[in-house]
């Protein structure tokens, strides 16, 4: 994520600080809006979206890493994630062809939690 943007005059405007609380809520809205767009008539999607807003009133967890000092460092960081699957196979507990159950570490509490989708 950049820490700035190009304005209407095509001039880069740097933002020195992005509030973490805003970032969490904004990320949550972006993801849940994508679900809403993909499944506009789905009752299940609407129920899920409402459930996630209630379950995470402070927004979704985001990892706000410090600013990268070089393009090379940024490329190496991004490259590590491009080569990985969305979820590591060893975290999958059960899969029946429709539903998957997996575990993850909650970054806020440090606890191991399970989720089924």
N, C-alpha and C. Protein backbone atom coordinates (compact mmCIF):
# COMPACT_ATOMS: atom_id res chain seq x y z
N UNK A 1 0.84 -1.17 0.00
CA UNK A 1 0.00 0.00 0.00
C UNK A 1 0.89 1.23 0.00
N UNK A 2 0.57 2.18 -0.82
CA UNK A 2 1.36 3.39 -0.88
C UNK A 2 1.01 4.31 0.28
N UNK A 3 1.90 5.22 0.58
CA UNK A 3 1.64 6.22 1.61
C UNK A 3 1.47 7.57 0.96
N UNK A 4 0.67 7.58 -0.11
CA UNK A 4 0.39 8.81 -0.83
C UNK A 4 -0.41 8.52 -2.08
N UNK A 5 -0.60 9.56 -2.89
CA UNK A 5 -1.37 9.41 -4.13
C UNK A 5 -1.05 10.56 -5.08
N UNK A 6 -1.45 10.39 -6.33
CA UNK A 6 -1.28 11.44 -7.33
C UNK A 6 -2.55 12.28 -7.34
N UNK A 7 -2.39 13.59 -7.23
CA UNK A 7 -3.57 14.46 -7.21
C UNK A 7 -4.05 14.77 -8.63
N UNK A 8 -5.09 15.60 -8.75
CA UNK A 8 -5.68 15.89 -10.07
C UNK A 8 -4.71 16.61 -11.00
N UNK A 9 -3.65 17.22 -10.44
CA UNK A 9 -2.63 17.89 -11.25
C UNK A 9 -1.44 16.97 -11.55
N UNK A 10 -1.61 15.69 -11.25
CA UNK A 10 -0.59 14.67 -11.48
C UNK A 10 0.67 14.90 -10.66
N UNK A 11 0.47 15.42 -9.46
CA UNK A 11 1.58 15.65 -8.53
C UNK A 11 1.42 14.68 -7.35
N UNK A 12 2.54 14.01 -7.00
CA UNK A 12 2.52 13.06 -5.90
C UNK A 12 2.36 13.81 -4.58
N UNK A 13 1.39 13.38 -3.78
CA UNK A 13 1.15 13.94 -2.45
C UNK A 13 1.38 12.84 -1.44
N UNK A 14 2.38 13.03 -0.60
CA UNK A 14 2.71 12.02 0.40
C UNK A 14 1.84 12.18 1.64
N UNK A 15 1.45 11.03 2.20
CA UNK A 15 0.72 11.01 3.45
C UNK A 15 1.68 10.42 4.47
N UNK A 16 1.99 11.17 5.50
CA UNK A 16 2.97 10.71 6.47
C UNK A 16 2.47 9.64 7.42
N UNK A 17 1.14 9.58 7.61
CA UNK A 17 0.60 8.66 8.60
C UNK A 17 -0.81 8.26 8.20
N UNK A 18 -1.10 6.97 8.24
CA UNK A 18 -2.45 6.47 7.99
C UNK A 18 -2.92 5.84 9.30
N UNK A 19 -3.99 6.36 9.90
CA UNK A 19 -4.46 5.81 11.18
C UNK A 19 -4.80 4.32 11.06
N UNK A 20 -4.26 3.53 11.97
CA UNK A 20 -4.45 2.09 11.97
C UNK A 20 -5.93 1.72 12.06
N UNK A 21 -6.68 2.45 12.90
CA UNK A 21 -8.11 2.17 13.07
C UNK A 21 -8.86 2.35 11.75
N UNK A 22 -8.51 3.40 11.02
CA UNK A 22 -9.14 3.65 9.72
C UNK A 22 -8.79 2.52 8.74
N UNK A 23 -7.54 2.12 8.74
CA UNK A 23 -7.08 1.08 7.84
C UNK A 23 -7.85 -0.23 8.06
N UNK A 24 -8.08 -0.58 9.32
CA UNK A 24 -8.83 -1.80 9.64
C UNK A 24 -10.25 -1.75 9.08
N UNK A 25 -10.94 -0.64 9.35
CA UNK A 25 -12.33 -0.50 8.89
C UNK A 25 -12.41 -0.42 7.37
N UNK A 26 -11.47 0.28 6.76
CA UNK A 26 -11.46 0.42 5.30
C UNK A 26 -11.23 -0.93 4.63
N UNK A 27 -10.30 -1.73 5.17
CA UNK A 27 -10.01 -3.06 4.61
C UNK A 27 -11.23 -3.96 4.73
N UNK A 28 -11.90 -3.91 5.87
CA UNK A 28 -13.11 -4.69 6.07
C UNK A 28 -14.17 -4.31 5.04
N UNK A 29 -14.38 -3.02 4.85
CA UNK A 29 -15.40 -2.56 3.90
C UNK A 29 -15.07 -3.00 2.48
N UNK A 30 -13.82 -2.87 2.07
CA UNK A 30 -13.42 -3.28 0.72
C UNK A 30 -13.72 -4.76 0.49
N UNK A 31 -13.32 -5.61 1.43
CA UNK A 31 -13.53 -7.05 1.26
C UNK A 31 -15.01 -7.42 1.27
N UNK A 32 -15.77 -6.85 2.19
CA UNK A 32 -17.19 -7.20 2.28
C UNK A 32 -17.98 -6.61 1.11
N UNK A 33 -17.56 -5.47 0.60
CA UNK A 33 -18.20 -4.92 -0.61
C UNK A 33 -17.95 -5.82 -1.82
N UNK A 34 -16.77 -6.44 -1.89
CA UNK A 34 -16.48 -7.37 -2.99
C UNK A 34 -17.42 -8.58 -2.94
N UNK A 35 -17.66 -9.08 -1.74
CA UNK A 35 -18.60 -10.20 -1.59
C UNK A 35 -20.00 -9.76 -2.03
N UNK A 36 -20.39 -8.57 -1.60
CA UNK A 36 -21.71 -8.03 -1.96
C UNK A 36 -21.86 -7.88 -3.47
N UNK A 37 -20.80 -7.43 -4.13
CA UNK A 37 -20.83 -7.26 -5.60
C UNK A 37 -20.88 -8.61 -6.31
N UNK A 38 -20.14 -9.58 -5.80
CA UNK A 38 -20.08 -10.90 -6.44
C UNK A 38 -21.40 -11.66 -6.28
N UNK A 39 -22.06 -11.49 -5.13
CA UNK A 39 -23.30 -12.21 -4.84
C UNK A 39 -24.41 -11.23 -4.44
N UNK A 40 -24.85 -10.37 -5.34
CA UNK A 40 -25.80 -9.31 -4.98
C UNK A 40 -27.17 -9.80 -4.53
N UNK A 41 -27.58 -10.96 -4.95
CA UNK A 41 -28.92 -11.47 -4.59
C UNK A 41 -28.89 -12.59 -3.55
N UNK A 42 -27.72 -12.90 -3.06
CA UNK A 42 -27.57 -14.02 -2.13
C UNK A 42 -27.91 -13.63 -0.69
N UNK A 43 -28.89 -14.31 -0.14
CA UNK A 43 -29.25 -14.11 1.27
C UNK A 43 -28.10 -14.56 2.16
N UNK A 44 -27.45 -15.70 1.80
CA UNK A 44 -26.32 -16.21 2.59
C UNK A 44 -25.20 -15.18 2.66
N UNK A 45 -24.92 -14.52 1.54
CA UNK A 45 -23.86 -13.50 1.51
C UNK A 45 -24.23 -12.33 2.41
N UNK A 46 -25.48 -11.90 2.37
CA UNK A 46 -25.92 -10.77 3.22
C UNK A 46 -25.81 -11.13 4.69
N UNK A 47 -26.21 -12.36 5.03
CA UNK A 47 -26.12 -12.82 6.42
C UNK A 47 -24.65 -12.86 6.86
N UNK A 48 -23.79 -13.40 6.00
CA UNK A 48 -22.36 -13.47 6.31
C UNK A 48 -21.77 -12.08 6.51
N UNK A 49 -22.08 -11.16 5.62
CA UNK A 49 -21.56 -9.79 5.72
C UNK A 49 -22.00 -9.15 7.03
N UNK A 50 -23.28 -9.26 7.37
CA UNK A 50 -23.78 -8.69 8.62
C UNK A 50 -23.11 -9.33 9.83
N UNK A 51 -22.91 -10.66 9.76
CA UNK A 51 -22.25 -11.39 10.85
C UNK A 51 -20.82 -10.88 11.04
N UNK A 52 -20.11 -10.67 9.93
CA UNK A 52 -18.72 -10.23 10.02
C UNK A 52 -18.60 -8.80 10.53
N UNK A 53 -19.55 -7.94 10.17
CA UNK A 53 -19.54 -6.57 10.72
C UNK A 53 -19.79 -6.61 12.23
N UNK A 54 -20.70 -7.47 12.69
CA UNK A 54 -20.97 -7.58 14.13
C UNK A 54 -19.80 -8.23 14.87
N UNK A 55 -19.21 -9.26 14.25
CA UNK A 55 -18.12 -10.00 14.90
C UNK A 55 -16.84 -9.17 15.00
N UNK A 56 -16.62 -8.30 14.02
CA UNK A 56 -15.40 -7.48 13.99
C UNK A 56 -15.76 -6.00 13.93
N UNK A 57 -16.31 -5.43 15.01
CA UNK A 57 -16.74 -4.03 14.98
C UNK A 57 -15.59 -3.04 14.80
N UNK A 58 -14.38 -3.46 15.10
CA UNK A 58 -13.22 -2.58 14.91
C UNK A 58 -12.57 -2.77 13.54
N UNK A 59 -13.18 -3.61 12.70
CA UNK A 59 -12.63 -3.88 11.38
C UNK A 59 -11.80 -5.15 11.39
N UNK A 60 -11.31 -5.54 10.21
CA UNK A 60 -10.48 -6.73 10.07
C UNK A 60 -9.04 -6.41 10.46
N UNK A 61 -8.33 -7.43 10.90
CA UNK A 61 -6.93 -7.26 11.26
C UNK A 61 -6.11 -6.89 10.02
N UNK A 62 -5.23 -5.94 10.19
CA UNK A 62 -4.27 -5.60 9.13
C UNK A 62 -2.88 -5.56 9.75
N UNK A 63 -1.91 -5.95 8.98
CA UNK A 63 -0.52 -5.87 9.42
C UNK A 63 0.07 -4.65 8.76
N UNK A 64 0.29 -3.62 9.54
CA UNK A 64 0.81 -2.37 9.01
C UNK A 64 2.32 -2.33 9.23
N UNK A 65 3.04 -2.79 8.25
CA UNK A 65 4.50 -2.83 8.30
C UNK A 65 5.07 -1.43 8.13
N UNK A 66 6.23 -1.22 8.72
CA UNK A 66 6.90 0.07 8.56
C UNK A 66 7.23 0.32 7.09
N UNK A 67 7.43 1.56 6.76
CA UNK A 67 7.75 1.97 5.40
C UNK A 67 8.99 1.24 4.88
N UNK A 68 8.94 0.82 3.64
CA UNK A 68 10.08 0.17 3.00
C UNK A 68 11.04 1.25 2.51
N UNK A 69 12.30 0.98 2.66
CA UNK A 69 13.31 1.98 2.32
C UNK A 69 13.75 1.94 0.86
N UNK A 70 13.49 0.81 0.18
CA UNK A 70 13.94 0.73 -1.21
C UNK A 70 12.97 -0.10 -2.04
N UNK A 71 13.02 0.10 -3.34
CA UNK A 71 12.19 -0.69 -4.26
C UNK A 71 12.61 -2.16 -4.21
N UNK A 72 13.91 -2.41 -4.07
CA UNK A 72 14.41 -3.78 -4.01
C UNK A 72 13.84 -4.50 -2.79
N UNK A 73 13.84 -3.82 -1.66
CA UNK A 73 13.28 -4.41 -0.44
C UNK A 73 11.79 -4.69 -0.58
N UNK A 74 11.07 -3.77 -1.21
CA UNK A 74 9.63 -3.96 -1.43
C UNK A 74 9.38 -5.14 -2.35
N UNK A 75 10.18 -5.27 -3.40
CA UNK A 75 10.02 -6.37 -4.35
C UNK A 75 10.27 -7.72 -3.67
N UNK A 76 11.29 -7.80 -2.82
CA UNK A 76 11.58 -9.04 -2.11
C UNK A 76 10.44 -9.40 -1.16
N UNK A 77 9.91 -8.40 -0.47
CA UNK A 77 8.80 -8.61 0.47
C UNK A 77 7.57 -9.14 -0.26
N UNK A 78 7.20 -8.50 -1.35
CA UNK A 78 6.02 -8.91 -2.13
C UNK A 78 6.24 -10.29 -2.74
N UNK A 79 7.45 -10.54 -3.22
CA UNK A 79 7.78 -11.82 -3.84
C UNK A 79 7.58 -13.01 -2.91
N UNK A 80 7.85 -12.82 -1.63
CA UNK A 80 7.65 -13.91 -0.66
C UNK A 80 6.19 -14.35 -0.63
N UNK A 81 5.28 -13.40 -0.78
CA UNK A 81 3.85 -13.72 -0.69
C UNK A 81 3.26 -14.20 -2.01
N UNK A 82 3.82 -13.78 -3.11
CA UNK A 82 3.31 -14.22 -4.41
C UNK A 82 3.55 -15.70 -4.63
N UNK A 83 4.60 -16.23 -4.04
CA UNK A 83 4.96 -17.63 -4.25
C UNK A 83 4.22 -18.58 -3.31
N UNK A 84 3.41 -18.04 -2.41
CA UNK A 84 2.72 -18.87 -1.42
C UNK A 84 1.24 -19.02 -1.75
N UNK A 85 0.65 -20.14 -1.34
CA UNK A 85 -0.81 -20.27 -1.48
C UNK A 85 -1.50 -19.36 -0.46
N UNK A 86 -2.80 -19.15 -0.65
CA UNK A 86 -3.56 -18.29 0.26
C UNK A 86 -3.56 -18.83 1.69
N UNK A 87 -3.57 -20.14 1.82
CA UNK A 87 -3.51 -20.77 3.14
C UNK A 87 -2.60 -21.99 3.04
N UNK A 88 -1.73 -22.15 4.02
CA UNK A 88 -0.80 -23.28 4.01
C UNK A 88 -1.58 -24.58 4.22
N UNK A 89 -1.19 -25.61 3.48
CA UNK A 89 -1.89 -26.90 3.54
C UNK A 89 -1.90 -27.48 4.95
N UNK A 90 -0.82 -27.28 5.70
CA UNK A 90 -0.76 -27.86 7.04
C UNK A 90 -1.77 -27.24 8.00
N UNK A 91 -2.35 -26.09 7.65
CA UNK A 91 -3.36 -25.46 8.51
C UNK A 91 -4.76 -26.01 8.27
N UNK A 92 -4.93 -26.77 7.20
CA UNK A 92 -6.25 -27.32 6.87
C UNK A 92 -6.49 -28.55 7.73
N UNK A 93 -7.57 -28.52 8.48
CA UNK A 93 -7.93 -29.62 9.37
C UNK A 93 -8.83 -30.61 8.65
N UNK A 94 -9.78 -30.09 7.88
CA UNK A 94 -10.76 -30.96 7.22
C UNK A 94 -11.29 -30.26 5.98
N UNK A 95 -11.51 -31.05 4.93
CA UNK A 95 -12.12 -30.54 3.70
C UNK A 95 -13.00 -31.63 3.12
N UNK A 96 -14.28 -31.33 2.85
CA UNK A 96 -15.21 -32.34 2.35
C UNK A 96 -15.66 -32.09 0.91
N UNK A 97 -14.97 -31.23 0.21
CA UNK A 97 -15.35 -30.90 -1.17
C UNK A 97 -16.19 -29.65 -1.26
N UNK A 98 -16.82 -29.26 -0.15
CA UNK A 98 -17.62 -28.03 -0.12
C UNK A 98 -17.17 -27.09 0.98
N UNK A 99 -16.90 -27.65 2.14
CA UNK A 99 -16.52 -26.82 3.29
C UNK A 99 -15.09 -27.16 3.70
N UNK A 100 -14.42 -26.14 4.21
CA UNK A 100 -13.05 -26.34 4.69
C UNK A 100 -12.97 -25.81 6.12
N UNK A 101 -12.27 -26.58 6.97
CA UNK A 101 -12.03 -26.15 8.34
C UNK A 101 -10.52 -26.03 8.49
N UNK A 102 -10.07 -24.92 9.05
CA UNK A 102 -8.65 -24.65 9.18
C UNK A 102 -8.38 -23.90 10.48
N UNK A 103 -7.11 -23.82 10.84
CA UNK A 103 -6.73 -23.06 12.03
C UNK A 103 -5.83 -21.90 11.63
N UNK A 104 -5.80 -20.91 12.50
CA UNK A 104 -4.92 -19.75 12.31
C UNK A 104 -4.59 -19.16 13.67
N UNK A 105 -3.57 -18.34 13.71
CA UNK A 105 -3.22 -17.65 14.94
C UNK A 105 -3.81 -16.25 14.90
N UNK A 106 -4.60 -15.93 15.91
CA UNK A 106 -5.19 -14.59 16.02
C UNK A 106 -4.07 -13.63 16.41
N UNK A 107 -3.78 -12.68 15.54
CA UNK A 107 -2.66 -11.77 15.78
C UNK A 107 -2.92 -10.81 16.94
N UNK A 108 -4.16 -10.62 17.31
CA UNK A 108 -4.46 -9.71 18.42
C UNK A 108 -4.32 -10.40 19.77
N UNK A 109 -4.71 -11.68 19.85
CA UNK A 109 -4.67 -12.39 21.13
C UNK A 109 -3.54 -13.40 21.22
N UNK A 110 -2.98 -13.79 20.07
CA UNK A 110 -1.94 -14.81 20.05
C UNK A 110 -2.49 -16.22 20.18
N UNK A 111 -3.82 -16.36 20.25
CA UNK A 111 -4.45 -17.66 20.41
C UNK A 111 -4.65 -18.37 19.08
N UNK A 112 -4.64 -19.69 19.14
CA UNK A 112 -4.95 -20.50 17.96
C UNK A 112 -6.47 -20.62 17.86
N UNK A 113 -7.00 -20.31 16.68
CA UNK A 113 -8.45 -20.36 16.47
C UNK A 113 -8.75 -21.21 15.24
N UNK A 114 -9.96 -21.75 15.21
CA UNK A 114 -10.40 -22.54 14.06
C UNK A 114 -11.55 -21.82 13.38
N UNK A 115 -11.64 -22.01 12.06
CA UNK A 115 -12.69 -21.38 11.25
C UNK A 115 -13.18 -22.41 10.24
N UNK A 116 -14.46 -22.35 9.92
CA UNK A 116 -15.02 -23.21 8.88
C UNK A 116 -15.72 -22.35 7.85
N UNK A 117 -15.40 -22.58 6.59
CA UNK A 117 -16.01 -21.82 5.49
C UNK A 117 -16.65 -22.77 4.50
